[in-house]
Amino acid sequence: MSDSNRAFFHFSALPMSTRMVYTMTLLVLGTGYLFAMLQVFFSHAGLDGNPKNISAQDIRIAYHGSETDTRLVTALKGPMAGMLPEAERAVIFKWVDEGANPDAYETRIKPILEARCIACHDGSNPHIPVLTSKDEVMKVVAKDTGATIPTLVRVSHIHLFGITFIFFIVSSIFTHAYMRPLWLKCVIIVLPFLTILTDIFSWYLTKWLPGFAWFIIISGALMGISFTVQWVVSMWQMWFYTLPPDVEACGGALPVIGGKKRT
């Protein structure tokens, strides 16, 4: 059978060097995806006051804001919780609850911020609040309204380009997997690209309608499922899977028979 008649190449029909490239690429991308999930957890878990898990309420607060807490308190409950001892966090929480008195700032809050926070919040990073003066601190004591539109736009373009390239690579590798029915394989390939769009657009919708936080959760879950299926199936079939005899007889390829691609 000539190569021009082949409609599908399985991993077993590829040279060892190509399979090694695919394997190492999947190992690195799989590790990167794991760390991305850890980043999501550490940046969102605890916004609702429970740091042990990530909930729909955490997602609502991250994008829509909190009805009860200020930006400072939300950060100290969530991603910044581990940066201060519990006793010092309690001092800041009490100060905010009492109305964030500017006079008390100098004696109770400023020493904590200088010791724990200024090293990072000194204005050198334009993406995090500046906490070097009382006026700057009072800005983050305002009501938490969630991620700003400029922040969402900045993160959106990073995700749209970055995650699209990741799934282009993973899906291109996965195309060499043998899976039937064929429509299921196509769904698994298309799904993450669709969920990238629904996930990002749901950020903006959640900004105004907090109920859309569930769309973010569902989109992320479907994206993760697709990545896991493609990763596991590709790795398994590259090194351990035995093709059905009729496909194996074609040298790991599905032929074109009678002018139609065999599926």
Protein backbone atom coordinates (compact mmCIF):
# COMPACT_ATOMS: atom_id res chain seq x y z
CA MET A 1 0.00 0.00 0.00
CA SER A 2 1.49 3.35 -1.00
CA ASP A 3 1.74 6.22 1.44
CA SER A 4 -0.69 8.19 -0.75
CA ASN A 5 -3.44 5.72 0.16
CA ARG A 6 -2.96 6.04 3.90
CA ALA A 7 -5.67 8.00 5.70
CA PHE A 8 -4.43 7.49 9.27
CA PHE A 9 -1.04 6.85 10.86
CA HIS A 10 -0.99 5.26 14.29
CA PHE A 11 1.86 5.85 16.73
CA SER A 12 3.18 2.38 15.90
CA ALA A 13 3.73 3.50 12.29
CA LEU A 14 5.92 6.41 13.40
CA PRO A 15 9.69 6.20 13.87
CA MET A 16 11.07 5.82 17.39
CA SER A 17 12.59 9.31 17.29
CA THR A 18 9.19 10.90 16.58
CA ARG A 19 7.57 8.98 19.41
CA MET A 20 10.33 10.11 21.76
CA VAL A 21 9.72 13.74 20.78
CA TYR A 22 5.98 13.28 21.40
CA THR A 23 6.58 11.54 24.73
CA MET A 24 8.89 14.20 26.14
CA THR A 25 6.59 16.97 24.89
CA LEU A 26 3.62 15.38 26.67
CA LEU A 27 5.64 14.90 29.86
CA VAL A 28 6.64 18.57 29.97
CA LEU A 29 3.17 19.85 29.03
CA GLY A 30 1.53 17.51 31.54
CA THR A 31 3.78 18.84 34.28
CA GLY A 32 3.03 22.39 33.19
CA TYR A 33 -0.71 21.74 33.25
CA LEU A 34 -0.44 20.32 36.78
CA PHE A 35 1.35 23.43 37.99
CA ALA A 36 -1.26 25.60 36.25
CA MET A 37 -3.98 23.84 38.24
CA LEU A 38 -2.01 24.40 41.45
CA GLN A 39 -1.71 28.09 40.55
CA VAL A 40 -5.49 28.31 40.09
CA PHE A 41 -5.99 26.69 43.49
CA PHE A 42 -3.51 28.88 45.38
CA SER A 43 -4.78 32.10 43.77
CA HIS A 44 -8.49 31.40 44.39
CA ALA A 45 -8.89 29.02 47.32
CA GLY A 46 -9.78 30.73 50.57
CA LEU A 47 -11.39 33.85 49.15
CA ASP A 48 -14.61 32.69 50.82
CA GLY A 49 -12.81 32.15 54.12
CA ASN A 50 -12.19 28.42 53.69
CA PRO A 51 -8.63 27.86 52.43
CA LYS A 52 -8.95 24.05 52.27
CA ASN A 53 -10.76 23.92 48.94
CA ILE A 54 -11.82 25.99 45.98
CA SER A 55 -15.54 26.67 45.65
CA ALA A 56 -17.97 28.42 43.33
CA GLN A 57 -18.04 31.26 45.84
CA ASP A 58 -14.26 31.64 45.49
CA ILE A 59 -14.71 32.03 41.72
CA ARG A 60 -17.53 34.54 42.19
CA ILE A 61 -15.40 36.65 44.52
CA ALA A 62 -12.37 36.51 42.21
CA TYR A 63 -14.28 37.91 39.23
CA HIS A 64 -17.37 39.63 40.63
CA GLY A 65 -16.06 40.75 43.99
CA SER A 66 -17.22 40.34 47.58
CA GLU A 67 -20.38 41.78 49.04
CA THR A 68 -18.85 42.00 52.52
CA ASP A 69 -15.05 42.22 52.28
CA THR A 70 -12.59 44.82 51.02
CA ARG A 71 -9.86 44.07 48.48
CA LEU A 72 -7.31 43.90 51.30
CA VAL A 73 -9.31 41.42 53.37
CA THR A 74 -10.14 39.26 50.35
CA ALA A 75 -6.44 39.02 49.46
CA LEU A 76 -5.46 38.15 53.03
CA LYS A 77 -8.10 35.43 53.14
CA GLY A 78 -7.03 34.04 49.79
CA PRO A 79 -3.68 34.13 47.94
CA MET A 80 -1.89 36.27 50.55
CA ALA A 81 -3.07 34.25 53.56
CA GLY A 82 0.28 32.54 54.01
CA MET A 83 2.30 35.75 53.87
CA LEU A 84 1.33 36.96 57.35
CA PRO A 85 1.04 35.17 60.70
CA GLU A 86 -2.53 34.64 61.87
CA ALA A 87 -2.14 37.18 64.68
CA GLU A 88 -1.06 39.95 62.31
CA ARG A 89 -3.86 39.13 59.86
CA ALA A 90 -6.30 39.40 62.77
CA VAL A 91 -4.98 42.89 63.57
CA ILE A 92 -5.59 44.01 59.98
CA PHE A 93 -9.06 42.41 59.88
CA LYS A 94 -10.04 44.15 63.10
CA TRP A 95 -8.75 47.49 61.82
CA VAL A 96 -10.83 47.15 58.65
CA ASP A 97 -13.93 46.05 60.61
CA GLU A 98 -13.60 49.13 62.80
CA GLY A 99 -13.68 51.39 59.75
CA ALA A 100 -10.00 51.51 58.75
CA ASN A 101 -9.24 54.56 60.89
CA PRO A 102 -6.37 56.47 59.21
CA ASP A 103 -4.93 57.47 62.59
CA ALA A 104 -4.67 53.85 63.71
CA TYR A 105 -2.89 52.98 60.47
CA GLU A 106 0.41 54.49 61.60
CA THR A 107 0.60 52.57 64.88
CA ARG A 108 -1.13 49.27 64.09
CA ILE A 109 -0.95 48.58 60.34
CA LYS A 110 2.10 50.34 58.91
CA PRO A 111 4.65 48.30 60.94
CA ILE A 112 3.07 45.04 59.72
CA LEU A 113 3.05 46.12 56.09
CA GLU A 114 6.64 47.33 56.23
CA ALA A 115 7.81 44.06 57.73
CA ARG A 116 5.74 41.67 55.59
CA CYS A 117 4.49 43.33 52.42
CA ILE A 118 6.58 46.24 51.14
CA ALA A 119 9.27 43.98 49.66
CA CYS A 120 6.83 43.02 46.89
CA HIS A 121 4.23 45.82 47.03
CA ASP A 122 6.73 48.64 46.54
CA GLY A 123 5.52 49.69 43.10
CA SER A 124 8.10 47.72 41.11
CA ASN A 125 5.42 45.33 39.83
CA PRO A 126 2.63 47.21 38.03
CA HIS A 127 0.24 44.27 38.35
CA ILE A 128 -0.05 44.25 42.16
CA PRO A 129 -1.22 47.00 44.54
CA VAL A 130 1.26 49.47 46.00
CA LEU A 131 1.28 49.54 49.81
CA THR A 132 4.04 52.05 50.52
CA SER A 133 1.82 54.85 51.86
CA LYS A 134 -1.38 55.38 53.77
CA ASP A 135 -3.15 56.75 50.69
CA GLU A 136 -2.26 53.65 48.66
CA VAL A 137 -3.38 51.33 51.44
CA MET A 138 -6.71 53.12 51.75
CA LYS A 139 -7.38 52.30 48.08
CA VAL A 140 -7.34 48.55 48.81
CA VAL A 141 -9.56 49.02 51.85
CA ALA A 142 -12.35 49.93 49.43
CA LYS A 143 -15.03 47.37 48.60
CA ASP A 144 -13.75 44.38 46.64
CA THR A 145 -15.22 44.55 43.13
CA GLY A 146 -13.28 41.61 41.71
CA ALA A 147 -10.88 41.58 38.80
CA THR A 148 -10.75 44.79 36.82
CA ILE A 149 -11.52 44.88 33.09
CA PRO A 150 -7.89 45.81 32.19
CA THR A 151 -6.71 42.82 34.24
CA LEU A 152 -9.17 40.50 32.50
CA VAL A 153 -8.10 41.78 29.08
CA ARG A 154 -4.42 41.25 29.93
CA VAL A 155 -4.98 37.71 31.19
CA SER A 156 -7.40 36.91 28.34
CA HIS A 157 -4.91 37.45 25.54
CA ILE A 158 -2.27 35.45 27.42
CA HIS A 159 -4.67 32.52 27.84
CA LEU A 160 -6.05 32.68 24.32
CA PHE A 161 -2.61 32.44 22.76
CA GLY A 162 -0.91 30.22 25.32
CA ILE A 163 -3.58 27.58 25.92
CA THR A 164 -4.45 27.41 22.22
CA PHE A 165 -0.85 26.53 21.39
CA ILE A 166 -0.78 23.91 24.16
CA PHE A 167 -3.88 22.15 22.86
CA PHE A 168 -2.73 22.48 19.25
CA ILE A 169 0.36 20.48 20.19
CA VAL A 170 -1.44 17.94 22.38
CA SER A 171 -4.27 17.44 19.88
CA SER A 172 -1.83 17.09 16.98
CA ILE A 173 -0.16 14.24 18.86
CA PHE A 174 -3.52 12.73 19.79
CA THR A 175 -4.57 12.53 16.12
CA HIS A 176 -2.27 9.49 15.83
CA ALA A 177 -4.30 7.61 18.44
CA TYR A 178 -6.70 4.86 17.37
CA MET A 179 -10.15 5.58 18.83
CA ARG A 180 -13.59 4.50 17.74
CA PRO A 181 -16.18 5.82 17.14
CA LEU A 182 -14.41 8.52 15.19
CA TRP A 183 -16.89 11.21 16.26
CA LEU A 184 -15.81 10.73 19.89
CA LYS A 185 -12.20 11.37 18.96
CA CYS A 186 -13.24 14.52 17.10
CA VAL A 187 -15.28 15.75 20.09
CA ILE A 188 -12.31 15.26 22.42
CA ILE A 189 -10.12 17.28 20.05
CA VAL A 190 -12.60 20.13 19.50
CA LEU A 191 -13.81 20.40 23.11
CA PRO A 192 -10.85 22.23 24.69
CA PHE A 193 -10.77 24.89 21.98
CA LEU A 194 -14.45 25.64 22.59
CA THR A 195 -14.03 25.67 26.36
CA ILE A 196 -11.15 28.14 26.09
CA LEU A 197 -13.64 30.59 24.60
CA THR A 198 -16.49 29.82 27.02
CA ASP A 199 -14.11 30.02 29.98
CA ILE A 200 -12.72 33.44 29.07
CA PHE A 201 -16.05 34.98 28.05
CA SER A 202 -17.52 33.70 31.32
CA TRP A 203 -14.95 35.78 33.22
CA TYR A 204 -16.53 38.95 31.86
CA LEU A 205 -20.08 37.68 32.35
CA THR A 206 -19.29 36.74 35.97
CA LYS A 207 -18.01 40.27 36.50
CA TRP A 208 -21.64 41.45 36.17
CA LEU A 209 -23.63 38.28 36.83
CA PRO A 210 -21.98 36.12 39.52
CA GLY A 211 -24.04 33.06 38.58
CA PHE A 212 -21.84 32.61 35.50
CA ALA A 213 -19.08 31.42 37.86
CA TRP A 214 -20.46 27.93 37.22
CA PHE A 215 -19.67 28.33 33.52
CA ILE A 216 -16.05 29.02 34.46
CA ILE A 217 -15.97 25.89 36.62
CA ILE A 218 -17.64 23.67 34.01
CA SER A 219 -15.44 25.01 31.19
CA GLY A 220 -12.30 24.41 33.22
CA ALA A 221 -13.43 20.89 34.16
CA LEU A 222 -14.18 19.94 30.54
CA MET A 223 -10.86 21.38 29.42
CA GLY A 224 -9.04 19.35 32.06
CA ILE A 225 -10.91 16.17 31.14
CA SER A 226 -10.03 16.60 27.46
CA PHE A 227 -6.37 17.24 28.27
CA THR A 228 -6.23 14.17 30.53
CA VAL A 229 -7.90 11.88 28.00
CA GLN A 230 -5.63 13.01 25.16
CA TRP A 231 -2.52 12.75 27.33
CA VAL A 232 -3.28 9.30 28.75
CA VAL A 233 -4.50 7.76 25.48
CA SER A 234 -1.53 9.13 23.54
CA MET A 235 1.04 7.91 26.05
CA TRP A 236 -0.62 4.50 26.39
CA GLN A 237 -0.94 3.88 22.68
CA MET A 238 2.57 5.08 21.95
CA TRP A 239 4.21 2.43 24.09
CA PHE A 240 1.77 -0.22 25.37
CA TYR A 241 -1.26 -0.52 23.10
CA THR A 242 -1.75 -3.27 20.50
CA LEU A 243 -3.80 -2.29 17.47
CA PRO A 244 -6.70 -4.45 16.23
CA PRO A 245 -5.35 -7.10 13.80
CA ASP A 246 -6.95 -5.57 10.70
CA VAL A 247 -5.42 -2.18 11.40
CA GLU A 248 -2.11 -3.73 12.38
CA ALA A 249 -2.08 -5.53 9.03
CA CYS A 250 -2.10 -2.13 7.33
CA GLY A 251 1.12 -1.19 9.08
CA GLY A 252 -0.58 1.03 11.62
CA ALA A 253 -2.53 2.94 9.01
CA LEU A 254 -6.12 3.00 7.84
CA PRO A 255 -6.30 2.74 4.05
CA VAL A 256 -8.48 4.46 1.53
CA ILE A 257 -10.81 1.80 0.12
CA GLY A 258 -13.04 2.37 -2.90
CA GLY A 259 -12.23 6.06 -2.93
CA LYS A 260 -13.40 6.53 0.68
CA LYS A 261 -11.40 6.79 3.87
CA ARG A 262 -11.99 3.89 6.16
CA THR A 263 -13.25 4.99 9.59
